[in-house]
N, C-alpha and C. Protein backbone atom coordinates (compact mmCIF):
# COMPACT_ATOMS: atom_id res chain seq x y z
N MET A 1 188.37 163.47 48.75
CA MET A 1 187.16 164.16 48.42
C MET A 1 185.95 163.35 48.88
N ARG A 2 186.00 162.05 48.64
CA ARG A 2 184.88 161.20 49.01
C ARG A 2 184.74 161.13 50.54
N THR A 3 185.84 161.05 51.27
CA THR A 3 185.77 160.98 52.72
C THR A 3 185.23 162.26 53.32
N THR A 4 185.49 163.37 52.66
CA THR A 4 184.97 164.64 53.16
C THR A 4 183.45 164.66 53.04
N ARG A 5 182.93 164.21 51.91
CA ARG A 5 181.48 164.18 51.74
C ARG A 5 180.83 163.21 52.72
N THR A 6 181.45 162.07 52.97
CA THR A 6 180.91 161.09 53.91
C THR A 6 180.91 161.66 55.31
N THR A 7 181.98 162.34 55.68
CA THR A 7 182.08 162.93 57.00
C THR A 7 181.03 164.01 57.19
N VAL A 8 180.86 164.84 56.18
CA VAL A 8 179.87 165.91 56.25
C VAL A 8 178.46 165.33 56.35
N ALA A 9 178.18 164.28 55.59
CA ALA A 9 176.85 163.66 55.63
C ALA A 9 176.60 163.02 57.00
N ALA A 10 177.59 162.37 57.55
CA ALA A 10 177.44 161.75 58.85
C ALA A 10 177.23 162.80 59.94
N ALA A 11 177.97 163.90 59.84
CA ALA A 11 177.81 164.98 60.81
C ALA A 11 176.43 165.61 60.70
N ALA A 12 175.94 165.79 59.50
CA ALA A 12 174.61 166.37 59.30
C ALA A 12 173.53 165.44 59.86
N ALA A 13 173.71 164.14 59.67
CA ALA A 13 172.73 163.18 60.20
C ALA A 13 172.74 163.19 61.73
N ALA A 14 173.93 163.29 62.32
CA ALA A 14 174.03 163.33 63.77
C ALA A 14 173.38 164.58 64.33
N VAL A 15 173.60 165.72 63.67
CA VAL A 15 172.99 166.96 64.12
C VAL A 15 171.48 166.88 64.00
N ALA A 16 171.00 166.30 62.92
CA ALA A 16 169.55 166.18 62.74
C ALA A 16 168.94 165.30 63.82
N LEU A 17 169.60 164.20 64.15
CA LEU A 17 169.09 163.32 65.19
C LEU A 17 169.12 163.99 66.56
N LEU A 18 170.22 164.65 66.86
CA LEU A 18 170.33 165.32 68.15
C LEU A 18 169.37 166.51 68.23
N GLY A 19 169.18 167.18 67.13
CA GLY A 19 168.26 168.31 67.12
C GLY A 19 166.83 167.86 67.35
N ALA A 20 166.45 166.73 66.80
CA ALA A 20 165.09 166.22 67.00
C ALA A 20 164.91 165.64 68.40
N ALA A 21 165.95 165.06 68.96
CA ALA A 21 165.85 164.45 70.28
C ALA A 21 165.90 165.50 71.37
N GLY A 22 166.54 166.61 71.13
CA GLY A 22 166.67 167.65 72.15
C GLY A 22 165.34 168.15 72.66
N PRO A 23 164.41 168.61 71.80
CA PRO A 23 163.11 169.07 72.28
C PRO A 23 162.30 167.95 72.96
N ALA A 24 162.47 166.72 72.50
CA ALA A 24 161.73 165.62 73.11
C ALA A 24 162.21 165.40 74.54
N VAL A 25 163.50 165.49 74.76
CA VAL A 25 164.04 165.34 76.11
C VAL A 25 163.58 166.50 76.98
N ALA A 26 163.61 167.70 76.45
CA ALA A 26 163.20 168.87 77.22
C ALA A 26 161.72 168.79 77.57
N ASP A 27 160.90 168.32 76.63
CA ASP A 27 159.47 168.21 76.90
C ASP A 27 159.19 167.16 77.98
N SER A 28 159.94 166.08 77.98
CA SER A 28 159.67 165.03 78.94
C SER A 28 160.06 165.45 80.35
N THR A 29 161.03 166.34 80.49
CA THR A 29 161.42 166.77 81.83
C THR A 29 160.48 167.81 82.39
N THR A 30 159.81 168.57 81.55
CA THR A 30 158.90 169.61 82.04
C THR A 30 157.50 169.07 82.28
N ALA A 31 157.16 167.92 81.75
CA ALA A 31 155.82 167.37 81.93
C ALA A 31 155.67 166.87 83.35
N PRO A 32 154.51 167.08 83.98
CA PRO A 32 154.32 166.60 85.35
C PRO A 32 154.26 165.08 85.37
N ALA A 33 154.78 164.53 86.43
CA ALA A 33 154.76 163.07 86.59
C ALA A 33 153.33 162.64 86.88
N PRO A 34 152.89 161.54 86.28
CA PRO A 34 151.53 161.08 86.54
C PRO A 34 151.37 160.63 87.99
N THR A 35 150.26 160.96 88.56
CA THR A 35 149.97 160.55 89.93
C THR A 35 148.87 159.52 89.92
N ALA A 36 148.58 159.00 91.07
CA ALA A 36 147.55 157.97 91.16
C ALA A 36 146.18 158.53 90.79
N THR A 37 145.97 159.83 90.99
CA THR A 37 144.65 160.39 90.69
C THR A 37 144.52 160.76 89.22
N THR A 38 145.64 161.05 88.53
CA THR A 38 145.54 161.46 87.14
C THR A 38 145.73 160.32 86.17
N SER A 39 146.37 159.22 86.59
CA SER A 39 146.59 158.11 85.66
C SER A 39 145.37 157.20 85.65
N THR A 40 145.17 156.56 84.53
CA THR A 40 144.06 155.62 84.41
C THR A 40 144.61 154.21 84.52
N PRO A 41 143.94 153.33 85.22
CA PRO A 41 144.43 151.97 85.35
C PRO A 41 144.33 151.22 84.03
N ALA A 42 145.22 150.27 83.86
CA ALA A 42 145.20 149.46 82.65
C ALA A 42 143.97 148.55 82.70
N PRO A 43 143.30 148.38 81.58
CA PRO A 43 142.11 147.53 81.59
C PRO A 43 142.50 146.07 81.84
N ALA A 44 141.67 145.37 82.58
CA ALA A 44 141.93 143.97 82.88
C ALA A 44 141.70 143.14 81.62
N ALA A 45 142.51 142.13 81.45
CA ALA A 45 142.39 141.28 80.26
C ALA A 45 141.06 140.53 80.27
N LYS A 46 140.79 139.85 81.37
CA LYS A 46 139.53 139.12 81.48
C LYS A 46 139.27 138.91 82.96
N ALA A 47 138.12 139.28 83.39
CA ALA A 47 137.77 139.13 84.81
C ALA A 47 137.51 137.67 85.11
N PRO A 48 137.97 137.18 86.28
CA PRO A 48 137.71 135.79 86.63
C PRO A 48 136.24 135.57 86.88
N THR A 49 135.79 134.38 86.58
CA THR A 49 134.37 134.09 86.74
C THR A 49 134.04 133.59 88.14
N GLY A 50 135.04 133.18 88.92
CA GLY A 50 134.80 132.69 90.28
C GLY A 50 136.07 132.80 91.09
N ASP A 51 136.02 132.32 92.29
CA ASP A 51 137.19 132.40 93.16
C ASP A 51 138.05 131.14 93.11
N GLY A 52 137.69 130.15 92.31
CA GLY A 52 138.47 128.94 92.16
C GLY A 52 138.20 127.89 93.22
N ALA A 53 137.14 128.07 94.00
CA ALA A 53 136.85 127.14 95.08
C ALA A 53 136.53 125.75 94.55
N ARG A 54 135.79 125.67 93.48
CA ARG A 54 135.42 124.37 92.93
C ARG A 54 136.66 123.60 92.48
N ALA A 55 137.58 124.29 91.82
CA ALA A 55 138.80 123.63 91.37
C ALA A 55 139.67 123.22 92.56
N LEU A 56 139.72 124.06 93.58
CA LEU A 56 140.48 123.72 94.78
C LEU A 56 139.90 122.48 95.45
N CYS A 57 138.59 122.43 95.53
CA CYS A 57 137.95 121.26 96.15
C CYS A 57 138.27 119.99 95.37
N ARG A 58 138.38 120.07 94.06
CA ARG A 58 138.74 118.90 93.26
C ARG A 58 140.19 118.51 93.48
N ARG A 59 141.06 119.47 93.80
CA ARG A 59 142.49 119.19 93.97
C ARG A 59 142.85 118.73 95.38
N VAL A 60 141.95 118.84 96.33
CA VAL A 60 142.26 118.52 97.74
C VAL A 60 142.88 117.13 97.89
N PRO A 61 142.34 116.07 97.30
CA PRO A 61 142.95 114.76 97.50
C PRO A 61 144.39 114.67 96.99
N ARG A 62 144.66 115.26 95.85
CA ARG A 62 146.02 115.22 95.30
C ARG A 62 146.98 116.03 96.16
N ILE A 63 146.53 117.18 96.63
CA ILE A 63 147.37 118.01 97.51
C ILE A 63 147.66 117.26 98.80
N ASP A 64 146.64 116.63 99.35
CA ASP A 64 146.80 115.88 100.58
C ASP A 64 147.79 114.73 100.40
N ALA A 65 147.69 114.02 99.30
CA ALA A 65 148.62 112.92 99.03
C ALA A 65 150.04 113.43 98.90
N ARG A 66 150.21 114.57 98.26
CA ARG A 66 151.56 115.14 98.09
C ARG A 66 152.15 115.56 99.43
N ILE A 67 151.35 116.16 100.29
CA ILE A 67 151.83 116.57 101.62
C ILE A 67 152.19 115.33 102.44
N ASP A 68 151.31 114.31 102.42
CA ASP A 68 151.58 113.08 103.18
C ASP A 68 152.86 112.40 102.69
N ARG A 69 153.05 112.37 101.39
CA ARG A 69 154.25 111.75 100.82
C ARG A 69 155.51 112.49 101.27
N ALA A 70 155.46 113.81 101.27
CA ALA A 70 156.62 114.61 101.70
C ALA A 70 156.90 114.41 103.19
N LEU A 71 155.86 114.35 104.01
CA LEU A 71 156.06 114.12 105.44
C LEU A 71 156.63 112.73 105.73
N ARG A 72 156.16 111.72 104.99
CA ARG A 72 156.73 110.38 105.15
C ARG A 72 158.20 110.36 104.78
N ARG A 73 158.55 111.03 103.69
CA ARG A 73 159.94 111.07 103.25
C ARG A 73 160.81 111.79 104.27
N LEU A 74 160.36 112.94 104.75
CA LEU A 74 161.14 113.70 105.72
C LEU A 74 161.31 112.95 107.03
N GLY A 75 160.31 112.22 107.45
CA GLY A 75 160.37 111.50 108.71
C GLY A 75 160.94 110.10 108.59
N GLY A 76 161.39 109.72 107.41
CA GLY A 76 161.89 108.38 107.19
C GLY A 76 163.24 108.12 107.84
N PRO A 77 163.67 106.85 107.80
CA PRO A 77 164.97 106.50 108.39
C PRO A 77 166.13 106.99 107.52
N ALA A 78 167.32 106.74 107.99
CA ALA A 78 168.52 107.22 107.30
C ALA A 78 168.71 106.58 105.93
N THR A 79 167.99 105.53 105.65
CA THR A 79 168.10 104.87 104.35
C THR A 79 167.24 105.52 103.28
N VAL A 80 166.36 106.43 103.67
CA VAL A 80 165.43 107.08 102.73
C VAL A 80 166.03 108.39 102.23
N LYS A 81 166.16 108.51 100.90
CA LYS A 81 166.68 109.75 100.33
C LYS A 81 165.72 110.89 100.64
N GLY A 82 166.27 112.01 101.09
CA GLY A 82 165.47 113.18 101.40
C GLY A 82 165.01 113.25 102.84
N SER A 83 165.34 112.24 103.64
CA SER A 83 164.89 112.26 105.03
C SER A 83 165.81 113.14 105.88
N VAL A 84 165.26 113.62 106.98
CA VAL A 84 166.04 114.43 107.92
C VAL A 84 167.14 113.57 108.53
N ALA A 85 166.83 112.32 108.83
CA ALA A 85 167.82 111.43 109.44
C ALA A 85 169.00 111.19 108.51
N ARG A 86 168.75 111.04 107.22
CA ARG A 86 169.84 110.82 106.26
C ARG A 86 170.74 112.04 106.17
N LEU A 87 170.14 113.21 106.13
CA LEU A 87 170.95 114.43 106.06
C LEU A 87 171.71 114.64 107.36
N GLN A 88 171.12 114.30 108.49
CA GLN A 88 171.83 114.41 109.76
C GLN A 88 173.05 113.48 109.78
N LYS A 89 172.89 112.31 109.21
CA LYS A 89 174.01 111.36 109.13
C LYS A 89 175.12 111.94 108.26
N ARG A 90 174.76 112.59 107.17
CA ARG A 90 175.77 113.21 106.31
C ARG A 90 176.49 114.34 107.03
N VAL A 91 175.76 115.12 107.83
CA VAL A 91 176.39 116.19 108.62
C VAL A 91 177.38 115.58 109.60
N ASP A 92 176.96 114.51 110.27
CA ASP A 92 177.84 113.84 111.24
C ASP A 92 179.10 113.30 110.57
N ASN A 93 178.93 112.72 109.38
CA ASN A 93 180.09 112.18 108.65
C ASN A 93 181.06 113.29 108.25
N ALA A 94 180.52 114.43 107.81
CA ALA A 94 181.38 115.55 107.42
C ALA A 94 182.11 116.11 108.63
N ALA A 95 181.45 116.14 109.77
CA ALA A 95 182.09 116.62 111.00
C ALA A 95 183.19 115.67 111.43
N ALA A 96 182.95 114.37 111.30
CA ALA A 96 183.95 113.39 111.69
C ALA A 96 185.20 113.47 110.80
N LYS A 97 185.01 113.79 109.53
CA LYS A 97 186.13 113.92 108.61
C LYS A 97 186.84 115.26 108.75
N GLY A 98 186.19 116.21 109.40
CA GLY A 98 186.79 117.53 109.56
C GLY A 98 186.55 118.46 108.38
N ASP A 99 185.58 118.13 107.54
CA ASP A 99 185.23 118.98 106.40
C ASP A 99 184.27 120.07 106.87
N THR A 100 184.83 121.16 107.37
CA THR A 100 183.98 122.20 107.97
C THR A 100 183.11 122.91 106.95
N ALA A 101 183.63 123.12 105.74
CA ALA A 101 182.83 123.81 104.72
C ALA A 101 181.63 122.95 104.32
N VAL A 102 181.87 121.66 104.13
CA VAL A 102 180.78 120.75 103.76
C VAL A 102 179.80 120.62 104.92
N GLU A 103 180.33 120.55 106.14
CA GLU A 103 179.47 120.44 107.31
C GLU A 103 178.57 121.65 107.45
N THR A 104 179.12 122.83 107.25
CA THR A 104 178.32 124.06 107.36
C THR A 104 177.22 124.08 106.30
N TYR A 105 177.58 123.72 105.08
CA TYR A 105 176.60 123.70 103.99
C TYR A 105 175.47 122.72 104.31
N LEU A 106 175.85 121.51 104.75
CA LEU A 106 174.83 120.50 105.05
C LEU A 106 174.00 120.87 106.26
N LYS A 107 174.59 121.55 107.24
CA LYS A 107 173.82 122.00 108.41
C LYS A 107 172.74 122.99 107.99
N ASP A 108 173.09 123.88 107.06
CA ASP A 108 172.10 124.84 106.58
C ASP A 108 170.96 124.12 105.87
N ARG A 109 171.29 123.12 105.07
CA ARG A 109 170.24 122.34 104.40
C ARG A 109 169.40 121.59 105.42
N LEU A 110 170.05 121.07 106.46
CA LEU A 110 169.34 120.33 107.50
C LEU A 110 168.38 121.24 108.26
N THR A 111 168.82 122.45 108.55
CA THR A 111 167.95 123.41 109.23
C THR A 111 166.70 123.69 108.40
N PHE A 112 166.90 123.90 107.11
CA PHE A 112 165.75 124.15 106.23
C PHE A 112 164.84 122.94 106.17
N ARG A 113 165.42 121.76 106.03
CA ARG A 113 164.61 120.55 105.90
C ARG A 113 163.80 120.29 107.17
N LYS A 114 164.41 120.57 108.32
CA LYS A 114 163.68 120.41 109.57
C LYS A 114 162.52 121.41 109.67
N SER A 115 162.70 122.60 109.08
CA SER A 115 161.64 123.61 109.12
C SER A 115 160.46 123.23 108.23
N LEU A 116 160.68 122.32 107.29
CA LEU A 116 159.60 121.89 106.41
C LEU A 116 158.54 121.07 107.16
N VAL A 117 158.96 120.33 108.16
CA VAL A 117 158.02 119.43 108.85
C VAL A 117 156.88 120.20 109.50
N PRO A 118 157.14 121.22 110.35
CA PRO A 118 155.99 121.94 110.93
C PRO A 118 155.17 122.70 109.88
N MET A 119 155.84 123.19 108.84
CA MET A 119 155.10 123.90 107.79
C MET A 119 154.15 122.96 107.07
N LEU A 120 154.62 121.76 106.74
CA LEU A 120 153.76 120.80 106.05
C LEU A 120 152.64 120.30 106.96
N ASN A 121 152.93 120.15 108.25
CA ASN A 121 151.86 119.78 109.19
C ASN A 121 150.79 120.86 109.25
N GLN A 122 151.20 122.13 109.23
CA GLN A 122 150.23 123.23 109.24
C GLN A 122 149.41 123.23 107.95
N ARG A 123 150.07 122.96 106.83
CA ARG A 123 149.33 122.90 105.56
C ARG A 123 148.32 121.76 105.56
N SER A 124 148.69 120.65 106.16
CA SER A 124 147.77 119.53 106.24
C SER A 124 146.55 119.89 107.08
N THR A 125 146.79 120.59 108.18
CA THR A 125 145.68 121.04 109.03
C THR A 125 144.79 122.02 108.27
N ASP A 126 145.41 122.95 107.56
CA ASP A 126 144.64 123.91 106.76
C ASP A 126 143.84 123.20 105.68
N LEU A 127 144.44 122.17 105.09
CA LEU A 127 143.75 121.44 104.04
C LEU A 127 142.56 120.67 104.59
N ASP A 128 142.67 120.19 105.82
CA ASP A 128 141.52 119.54 106.46
C ASP A 128 140.36 120.52 106.60
N ALA A 129 140.67 121.78 106.94
CA ALA A 129 139.62 122.80 107.04
C ALA A 129 139.00 123.08 105.68
N VAL A 130 139.82 123.06 104.64
CA VAL A 130 139.29 123.27 103.28
C VAL A 130 138.40 122.10 102.91
N ARG A 131 138.82 120.88 103.23
CA ARG A 131 138.01 119.70 102.93
C ARG A 131 136.65 119.80 103.62
N THR A 132 136.63 120.24 104.87
CA THR A 132 135.37 120.40 105.61
C THR A 132 134.51 121.47 104.96
N TRP A 133 135.14 122.57 104.55
CA TRP A 133 134.40 123.65 103.89
C TRP A 133 133.79 123.15 102.59
N CYS A 134 134.56 122.41 101.82
CA CYS A 134 134.05 121.90 100.55
C CYS A 134 132.88 120.94 100.78
N ALA A 135 133.01 120.08 101.78
CA ALA A 135 131.94 119.12 102.06
C ALA A 135 130.67 119.84 102.50
N SER A 136 130.80 120.93 103.24
CA SER A 136 129.62 121.65 103.70
C SER A 136 128.89 122.34 102.55
N ARG A 137 129.56 122.55 101.46
CA ARG A 137 128.94 123.18 100.30
C ARG A 137 128.64 122.19 99.18
N GLY A 138 128.81 120.92 99.47
CA GLY A 138 128.47 119.89 98.50
C GLY A 138 129.48 119.75 97.38
N GLN A 139 130.69 120.24 97.58
CA GLN A 139 131.72 120.10 96.55
C GLN A 139 132.37 118.74 96.69
N ASN A 140 132.76 118.17 95.58
CA ASN A 140 133.36 116.85 95.56
C ASN A 140 134.84 116.92 95.92
N THR A 141 135.26 116.24 97.00
CA THR A 141 136.68 116.15 97.35
C THR A 141 137.16 114.72 97.23
N ALA A 142 136.34 113.82 96.73
CA ALA A 142 136.75 112.43 96.55
C ALA A 142 137.53 112.30 95.25
N GLY A 143 138.33 111.31 95.17
CA GLY A 143 139.09 111.08 93.94
C GLY A 143 140.44 110.52 94.29
N ALA A 144 141.47 110.97 93.55
CA ALA A 144 142.82 110.47 93.77
C ALA A 144 143.31 110.88 95.14
N GLY A 145 144.14 110.05 95.72
CA GLY A 145 144.72 110.37 97.02
C GLY A 145 143.98 109.69 98.14
N THR A 146 144.35 110.07 99.34
CA THR A 146 143.74 109.45 100.52
C THR A 146 142.71 110.39 101.12
N ALA A 147 141.64 109.82 101.62
CA ALA A 147 140.61 110.63 102.29
C ALA A 147 140.83 110.52 103.78
N LYS A 148 140.68 111.65 104.45
CA LYS A 148 140.85 111.67 105.91
C LYS A 148 139.52 111.76 106.57
């Protein structure tokens, strides 16, 4: 007797839930999809007060030092961790041992590491242009790092 009442109550609750959800599903399918012209953009949290040039000018020496440090490491001898020469030596050792899977993996890393050098050189050149721009506007680029 008790299980019958529980079953009936559960079935009634399920019907009530499905009955209420049915019209909601039907209404959502018939409503037109919002378009770019009918939707309103979300309000911005807070508009920036500037373009960040002053902060960038203050960071130029630290960025320059970081780029120079990375270029020195990449161009270092085989004894320097992270250098292209050290990774090339590891590729050569894997090839000599016949470890083709390891050799392939290390070759891929070597290709990427070699691609970092021209990218970092380009960033250094771009940073020199930023330093010149900052100096022409009286922004301070002195501080930590090396000055060029």
